[in-house]
């Protein structure tokens, strides 16, 4: 994609300033539509398992495209869908670490972290870490 990853765009200050609220909303909606499609509209639902800003590519119109399906799983509707832990720390749904059962809720959790990242212009964990380190 022409503009590269969303993470790269958020890191480069001159590009991050270009992201007005309408653009941020459209990027977030684009990812939501893509996840809805792969989780619900495919003949066999697909769970991405690694939704993060590095895996969201932007074209020249700043339209979001989900990439890197290396850890994705195809759900079997008549099965319990157990899996090994996959994804990026901080974006993985906590219940997946406990149950090892994969559902679309795993992608929803990662999407929520991504949405905060788009709003705050950086990974939410960085903000939490800065608050913890500033308190004595």
N, C-alpha and C. Protein backbone atom coordinates (compact mmCIF):
# COMPACT_ATOMS: atom_id res chain seq x y z
N UNK A 1 0.84 -1.18 0.00
CA UNK A 1 0.00 0.00 0.00
C UNK A 1 0.89 1.25 0.00
N UNK A 2 0.38 2.27 -0.62
CA UNK A 2 1.16 3.47 -0.86
C UNK A 2 1.65 4.15 0.41
N UNK A 3 0.81 4.24 1.43
CA UNK A 3 1.18 5.00 2.63
C UNK A 3 1.86 4.14 3.70
N UNK A 4 1.87 2.85 3.53
CA UNK A 4 2.51 1.98 4.52
C UNK A 4 1.56 1.64 5.65
N UNK A 5 2.13 1.24 6.77
CA UNK A 5 1.31 0.80 7.90
C UNK A 5 0.79 1.98 8.71
N UNK A 6 -0.31 1.74 9.39
CA UNK A 6 -0.88 2.74 10.28
C UNK A 6 0.12 3.09 11.38
N UNK A 7 0.84 2.09 11.89
CA UNK A 7 1.83 2.34 12.95
C UNK A 7 2.88 3.33 12.47
N UNK A 8 3.35 3.15 11.25
CA UNK A 8 4.37 4.05 10.69
C UNK A 8 3.82 5.46 10.57
N UNK A 9 2.57 5.57 10.13
CA UNK A 9 1.97 6.90 9.97
C UNK A 9 1.79 7.61 11.31
N UNK A 10 1.45 6.85 12.34
CA UNK A 10 1.27 7.45 13.67
C UNK A 10 2.61 7.85 14.28
N UNK A 11 3.69 7.14 13.92
CA UNK A 11 5.02 7.45 14.46
C UNK A 11 5.61 8.70 13.84
N UNK A 12 5.32 8.97 12.58
CA UNK A 12 5.89 10.13 11.89
C UNK A 12 5.02 11.33 12.20
N UNK A 13 5.57 12.27 12.95
CA UNK A 13 4.80 13.38 13.48
C UNK A 13 4.10 14.19 12.40
N UNK A 14 4.76 14.43 11.27
CA UNK A 14 4.14 15.24 10.22
C UNK A 14 2.91 14.56 9.63
N UNK A 15 2.90 13.22 9.56
CA UNK A 15 1.73 12.50 9.07
C UNK A 15 0.65 12.43 10.15
N UNK A 16 1.05 12.21 11.38
CA UNK A 16 0.08 12.11 12.48
C UNK A 16 -0.73 13.40 12.60
N UNK A 17 -0.11 14.53 12.32
CA UNK A 17 -0.83 15.81 12.37
C UNK A 17 -1.90 15.90 11.29
N UNK A 18 -1.70 15.18 10.17
CA UNK A 18 -2.68 15.19 9.07
C UNK A 18 -3.95 14.43 9.43
N UNK A 19 -3.89 13.55 10.41
CA UNK A 19 -5.05 12.74 10.77
C UNK A 19 -6.05 13.56 11.56
N UNK A 20 -7.03 14.10 10.86
CA UNK A 20 -8.11 14.78 11.58
C UNK A 20 -9.08 13.72 12.11
N UNK A 21 -10.08 14.14 12.86
CA UNK A 21 -10.99 13.18 13.49
C UNK A 21 -11.79 12.40 12.46
N UNK A 22 -12.14 13.04 11.36
CA UNK A 22 -12.88 12.34 10.30
C UNK A 22 -12.02 11.22 9.70
N UNK A 23 -10.75 11.50 9.47
CA UNK A 23 -9.84 10.50 8.91
C UNK A 23 -9.64 9.35 9.90
N UNK A 24 -9.47 9.68 11.17
CA UNK A 24 -9.30 8.65 12.20
C UNK A 24 -10.54 7.76 12.28
N UNK A 25 -11.71 8.38 12.20
CA UNK A 25 -12.96 7.63 12.24
C UNK A 25 -13.07 6.70 11.02
N UNK A 26 -12.71 7.20 9.85
CA UNK A 26 -12.79 6.38 8.64
C UNK A 26 -11.83 5.20 8.69
N UNK A 27 -10.63 5.41 9.22
CA UNK A 27 -9.66 4.31 9.36
C UNK A 27 -10.22 3.26 10.32
N UNK A 28 -10.74 3.71 11.45
CA UNK A 28 -11.29 2.80 12.45
C UNK A 28 -12.50 2.04 11.88
N UNK A 29 -13.38 2.75 11.18
CA UNK A 29 -14.54 2.09 10.56
C UNK A 29 -14.10 1.08 9.50
N UNK A 30 -13.08 1.40 8.74
CA UNK A 30 -12.58 0.47 7.72
C UNK A 30 -12.10 -0.83 8.32
N UNK A 31 -11.38 -0.73 9.44
CA UNK A 31 -10.92 -1.94 10.12
C UNK A 31 -12.11 -2.71 10.69
N UNK A 32 -13.07 -1.99 11.26
CA UNK A 32 -14.27 -2.65 11.81
C UNK A 32 -15.03 -3.41 10.72
N UNK A 33 -15.20 -2.80 9.56
CA UNK A 33 -15.89 -3.47 8.45
C UNK A 33 -15.13 -4.71 8.00
N UNK A 34 -13.80 -4.60 7.91
CA UNK A 34 -12.99 -5.74 7.48
C UNK A 34 -13.11 -6.89 8.48
N UNK A 35 -13.05 -6.57 9.77
CA UNK A 35 -13.17 -7.61 10.79
C UNK A 35 -14.57 -8.23 10.78
N UNK A 36 -15.57 -7.41 10.61
CA UNK A 36 -16.93 -7.93 10.53
C UNK A 36 -17.06 -8.90 9.36
N UNK A 37 -16.46 -8.55 8.24
CA UNK A 37 -16.53 -9.42 7.08
C UNK A 37 -15.84 -10.76 7.33
N UNK A 38 -14.60 -10.73 7.81
CA UNK A 38 -13.88 -12.00 7.98
C UNK A 38 -14.44 -12.83 9.12
N UNK A 39 -14.98 -12.16 10.15
CA UNK A 39 -15.53 -12.89 11.30
C UNK A 39 -16.94 -13.43 11.05
N UNK A 40 -17.73 -12.78 10.20
CA UNK A 40 -19.15 -13.15 10.08
C UNK A 40 -19.63 -13.45 8.66
N UNK A 41 -19.03 -12.85 7.65
CA UNK A 41 -19.58 -12.97 6.30
C UNK A 41 -18.88 -13.99 5.41
N UNK A 42 -17.77 -14.53 5.84
CA UNK A 42 -17.10 -15.59 5.07
C UNK A 42 -17.84 -16.91 5.32
N UNK A 43 -17.74 -17.83 4.38
CA UNK A 43 -18.43 -19.12 4.54
C UNK A 43 -17.93 -19.86 5.79
N UNK A 44 -16.65 -19.76 6.07
CA UNK A 44 -16.09 -20.23 7.34
C UNK A 44 -15.46 -19.02 8.01
N UNK A 45 -15.92 -18.64 9.20
CA UNK A 45 -15.38 -17.44 9.85
C UNK A 45 -13.87 -17.53 10.04
N UNK A 46 -13.20 -16.39 9.85
CA UNK A 46 -11.76 -16.29 10.03
C UNK A 46 -11.49 -15.36 11.21
N UNK A 47 -10.64 -15.82 12.12
CA UNK A 47 -10.21 -14.99 13.25
C UNK A 47 -8.77 -14.59 12.96
N UNK A 48 -8.51 -13.29 12.89
CA UNK A 48 -7.20 -12.78 12.51
C UNK A 48 -6.15 -13.06 13.57
N UNK A 49 -6.44 -12.80 14.81
CA UNK A 49 -5.60 -13.02 15.99
C UNK A 49 -4.46 -12.04 16.17
N UNK A 50 -4.23 -11.12 15.23
CA UNK A 50 -3.11 -10.19 15.40
C UNK A 50 -3.46 -8.82 14.82
N UNK A 51 -4.60 -8.28 15.24
CA UNK A 51 -4.99 -6.95 14.81
C UNK A 51 -4.17 -5.95 15.61
N UNK A 52 -3.36 -5.18 14.91
CA UNK A 52 -2.53 -4.14 15.52
C UNK A 52 -2.20 -3.13 14.43
N UNK A 53 -1.66 -1.99 14.81
CA UNK A 53 -1.43 -0.91 13.85
C UNK A 53 -0.39 -1.29 12.79
N UNK A 54 0.54 -2.17 13.11
CA UNK A 54 1.51 -2.62 12.09
C UNK A 54 0.85 -3.46 11.01
N UNK A 55 -0.29 -4.06 11.30
CA UNK A 55 -0.98 -4.92 10.35
C UNK A 55 -2.14 -4.23 9.64
N UNK A 56 -2.22 -2.92 9.79
CA UNK A 56 -3.22 -2.13 9.07
C UNK A 56 -2.46 -1.28 8.06
N UNK A 57 -2.72 -1.52 6.78
CA UNK A 57 -2.06 -0.77 5.72
C UNK A 57 -3.01 0.29 5.18
N UNK A 58 -2.44 1.44 4.83
CA UNK A 58 -3.24 2.55 4.30
C UNK A 58 -2.88 2.80 2.84
N UNK A 59 -3.91 2.97 2.01
CA UNK A 59 -3.64 3.30 0.61
C UNK A 59 -3.51 4.82 0.47
N UNK A 60 -3.39 5.32 -0.75
CA UNK A 60 -3.16 6.76 -0.95
C UNK A 60 -4.36 7.61 -0.54
N UNK A 61 -5.53 7.00 -0.39
CA UNK A 61 -6.72 7.70 0.09
C UNK A 61 -6.92 7.53 1.60
N UNK A 62 -5.94 6.93 2.26
CA UNK A 62 -5.98 6.62 3.69
C UNK A 62 -7.10 5.65 4.04
N UNK A 63 -7.40 4.75 3.12
CA UNK A 63 -8.37 3.69 3.37
C UNK A 63 -7.61 2.52 4.01
N UNK A 64 -8.16 2.00 5.10
CA UNK A 64 -7.49 0.93 5.86
C UNK A 64 -7.72 -0.43 5.22
N UNK A 65 -6.65 -1.24 5.21
CA UNK A 65 -6.71 -2.61 4.71
C UNK A 65 -6.01 -3.50 5.74
N UNK A 66 -6.68 -4.56 6.16
CA UNK A 66 -6.10 -5.49 7.14
C UNK A 66 -5.13 -6.41 6.41
N UNK A 67 -3.94 -6.61 6.99
CA UNK A 67 -2.93 -7.47 6.36
C UNK A 67 -2.39 -8.48 7.36
N UNK A 68 -1.48 -9.31 6.90
CA UNK A 68 -0.76 -10.30 7.70
C UNK A 68 -1.69 -11.30 8.37
N UNK A 69 -2.13 -12.26 7.60
CA UNK A 69 -3.01 -13.31 8.10
C UNK A 69 -2.23 -14.55 8.52
N UNK A 70 -0.96 -14.37 8.89
CA UNK A 70 -0.10 -15.49 9.25
C UNK A 70 -0.55 -16.25 10.48
N UNK A 71 -1.19 -15.59 11.42
CA UNK A 71 -1.66 -16.26 12.64
C UNK A 71 -3.17 -16.52 12.60
N UNK A 72 -3.82 -16.19 11.49
CA UNK A 72 -5.27 -16.33 11.38
C UNK A 72 -5.70 -17.80 11.48
N UNK A 73 -6.89 -18.00 12.02
CA UNK A 73 -7.49 -19.33 12.14
C UNK A 73 -8.86 -19.32 11.49
N UNK A 74 -9.16 -20.41 10.80
CA UNK A 74 -10.50 -20.59 10.25
C UNK A 74 -11.30 -21.38 11.28
N UNK A 75 -12.41 -20.81 11.72
CA UNK A 75 -13.22 -21.47 12.73
C UNK A 75 -14.03 -22.60 12.11
N UNK A 76 -14.06 -23.69 12.80
CA UNK A 76 -14.93 -24.81 12.42
C UNK A 76 -16.18 -24.67 13.27
N UNK A 77 -17.31 -24.49 12.63
CA UNK A 77 -18.54 -24.18 13.35
C UNK A 77 -19.00 -25.30 14.26
N UNK A 78 -18.62 -26.52 14.01
CA UNK A 78 -19.05 -27.65 14.84
C UNK A 78 -17.93 -28.13 15.78
N UNK A 79 -17.00 -27.26 16.09
CA UNK A 79 -15.85 -27.64 16.90
C UNK A 79 -15.66 -26.64 18.03
N UNK A 80 -14.81 -26.98 19.00
CA UNK A 80 -14.56 -26.09 20.13
C UNK A 80 -13.50 -25.04 19.81
N UNK A 81 -12.73 -25.19 18.72
CA UNK A 81 -11.78 -24.20 18.25
C UNK A 81 -10.71 -23.83 19.27
N UNK A 82 -10.00 -24.81 19.76
CA UNK A 82 -8.88 -24.58 20.66
C UNK A 82 -7.68 -24.16 19.84
N UNK A 83 -6.80 -23.35 20.40
CA UNK A 83 -5.65 -22.86 19.67
C UNK A 83 -4.48 -22.63 20.61
N UNK A 84 -3.32 -22.44 20.06
CA UNK A 84 -2.18 -22.00 20.86
C UNK A 84 -2.19 -20.47 20.87
N UNK A 85 -1.53 -19.89 21.83
CA UNK A 85 -1.51 -18.44 21.98
C UNK A 85 -0.74 -17.83 20.81
N UNK A 86 -1.37 -16.91 20.10
CA UNK A 86 -0.74 -16.24 18.97
C UNK A 86 -1.17 -14.79 18.97
N UNK A 87 -0.33 -13.93 18.47
CA UNK A 87 -0.65 -12.52 18.41
C UNK A 87 0.45 -11.70 19.07
N UNK A 88 0.17 -10.44 19.28
CA UNK A 88 1.15 -9.51 19.83
C UNK A 88 0.75 -9.12 21.25
N UNK A 89 1.71 -9.19 22.16
CA UNK A 89 1.48 -8.82 23.56
C UNK A 89 0.86 -7.43 23.63
N UNK A 90 -0.16 -7.29 24.43
CA UNK A 90 -0.86 -6.03 24.57
C UNK A 90 -2.11 -5.95 23.72
N UNK A 91 -2.16 -6.73 22.66
CA UNK A 91 -3.33 -6.75 21.79
C UNK A 91 -4.11 -8.06 21.95
N UNK A 92 -3.53 -9.03 22.63
CA UNK A 92 -4.17 -10.33 22.81
C UNK A 92 -5.24 -10.23 23.90
N UNK A 93 -6.41 -10.76 23.62
CA UNK A 93 -7.49 -10.76 24.60
C UNK A 93 -7.09 -11.60 25.81
N UNK A 94 -7.26 -11.07 27.02
CA UNK A 94 -6.84 -11.81 28.22
C UNK A 94 -7.51 -13.17 28.35
N UNK A 95 -8.78 -13.29 27.96
CA UNK A 95 -9.47 -14.57 28.11
C UNK A 95 -8.87 -15.65 27.20
N UNK A 96 -8.25 -15.24 26.10
CA UNK A 96 -7.61 -16.22 25.23
C UNK A 96 -6.44 -16.88 25.94
N UNK A 97 -5.70 -16.11 26.71
CA UNK A 97 -4.57 -16.66 27.46
C UNK A 97 -5.03 -17.67 28.50
N UNK A 98 -6.23 -17.48 29.05
CA UNK A 98 -6.74 -18.39 30.07
C UNK A 98 -7.45 -19.61 29.49
N UNK A 99 -8.26 -19.39 28.46
CA UNK A 99 -9.09 -20.48 27.97
C UNK A 99 -8.51 -21.19 26.76
N UNK A 100 -7.69 -20.49 25.98
CA UNK A 100 -7.12 -21.01 24.73
C UNK A 100 -8.21 -21.35 23.71
N UNK A 101 -9.41 -20.83 23.93
CA UNK A 101 -10.51 -21.02 22.98
C UNK A 101 -10.65 -19.73 22.17
N UNK A 102 -10.56 -19.87 20.87
CA UNK A 102 -10.58 -18.70 20.00
C UNK A 102 -12.01 -18.43 19.51
N UNK A 103 -12.39 -17.16 19.61
CA UNK A 103 -13.69 -16.69 19.10
C UNK A 103 -13.46 -15.33 18.46
N UNK A 104 -14.51 -14.79 17.85
CA UNK A 104 -14.39 -13.45 17.26
C UNK A 104 -14.14 -12.39 18.32
N UNK A 105 -14.44 -12.70 19.57
CA UNK A 105 -14.21 -11.75 20.65
C UNK A 105 -12.72 -11.43 20.81
N UNK A 106 -11.86 -12.34 20.39
CA UNK A 106 -10.42 -12.08 20.43
C UNK A 106 -10.06 -10.93 19.50
N UNK A 107 -10.65 -10.91 18.30
CA UNK A 107 -10.41 -9.81 17.37
C UNK A 107 -11.06 -8.52 17.85
N UNK A 108 -12.21 -8.62 18.51
CA UNK A 108 -12.89 -7.44 19.03
C UNK A 108 -12.03 -6.75 20.09
N UNK A 109 -11.41 -7.53 20.96
CA UNK A 109 -10.53 -6.95 21.98
C UNK A 109 -9.37 -6.22 21.32
N UNK A 110 -8.71 -6.88 20.36
CA UNK A 110 -7.58 -6.26 19.66
C UNK A 110 -8.01 -5.00 18.92
N UNK A 111 -9.22 -5.02 18.35
CA UNK A 111 -9.75 -3.85 17.68
C UNK A 111 -9.91 -2.68 18.66
N UNK A 112 -10.36 -2.98 19.87
CA UNK A 112 -10.51 -1.93 20.89
C UNK A 112 -9.18 -1.28 21.23
N UNK A 113 -8.14 -2.09 21.37
CA UNK A 113 -6.81 -1.55 21.63
C UNK A 113 -6.36 -0.69 20.45
N UNK A 114 -6.60 -1.17 19.24
CA UNK A 114 -6.25 -0.41 18.04
C UNK A 114 -7.01 0.91 17.98
N UNK A 115 -8.29 0.90 18.31
CA UNK A 115 -9.09 2.13 18.29
C UNK A 115 -8.51 3.16 19.26
N UNK A 116 -8.13 2.73 20.46
CA UNK A 116 -7.48 3.64 21.41
C UNK A 116 -6.18 4.18 20.84
N UNK A 117 -5.44 3.32 20.15
CA UNK A 117 -4.18 3.74 19.55
C UNK A 117 -4.39 4.83 18.50
N UNK A 118 -5.43 4.68 17.69
CA UNK A 118 -5.73 5.68 16.67
C UNK A 118 -6.14 6.99 17.32
N UNK A 119 -6.93 6.93 18.38
CA UNK A 119 -7.38 8.14 19.08
C UNK A 119 -6.22 8.84 19.77
N UNK A 120 -5.38 8.07 20.46
CA UNK A 120 -4.30 8.64 21.27
C UNK A 120 -3.00 8.87 20.48
N UNK A 121 -2.91 8.38 19.27
CA UNK A 121 -1.74 8.49 18.41
C UNK A 121 -0.56 7.65 18.86
N UNK A 122 -0.75 6.80 19.82
CA UNK A 122 0.29 5.83 20.18
C UNK A 122 -0.35 4.70 20.98
N UNK A 123 0.41 3.65 21.18
CA UNK A 123 -0.08 2.46 21.87
C UNK A 123 -0.54 2.81 23.28
N UNK A 124 -1.75 2.44 23.69
CA UNK A 124 -2.27 2.80 25.01
C UNK A 124 -1.40 2.31 26.16
N UNK A 125 -0.70 1.21 25.99
CA UNK A 125 0.18 0.70 27.03
C UNK A 125 1.29 1.67 27.38
N UNK A 126 1.74 2.46 26.39
CA UNK A 126 2.77 3.47 26.64
C UNK A 126 2.24 4.52 27.62
N UNK A 127 0.97 4.90 27.46
CA UNK A 127 0.35 5.88 28.36
C UNK A 127 0.23 5.32 29.77
N UNK A 128 -0.21 4.08 29.88
CA UNK A 128 -0.35 3.44 31.20
C UNK A 128 1.01 3.33 31.87
N UNK A 129 2.03 2.95 31.11
CA UNK A 129 3.38 2.84 31.67
C UNK A 129 3.88 4.20 32.16
N UNK A 130 3.59 5.28 31.41
CA UNK A 130 4.05 6.60 31.83
C UNK A 130 3.37 7.06 33.11
N UNK A 131 2.09 6.68 33.29
CA UNK A 131 1.38 7.03 34.53
C UNK A 131 1.98 6.27 35.70
N UNK A 132 2.24 4.98 35.51
CA UNK A 132 2.83 4.17 36.58
C UNK A 132 4.20 4.68 36.97
N UNK A 133 5.02 5.06 35.99
CA UNK A 133 6.38 5.49 36.29
C UNK A 133 6.43 6.87 36.92
N UNK A 134 5.38 7.70 36.71
CA UNK A 134 5.38 9.05 37.29
C UNK A 134 4.86 9.04 38.74
N UNK A 135 4.14 8.01 39.14
CA UNK A 135 3.67 7.90 40.54
C UNK A 135 4.76 7.33 41.41
N UNK A 136 5.03 7.96 42.58
CA UNK A 136 6.08 7.44 43.46
C UNK A 136 5.68 6.20 44.19
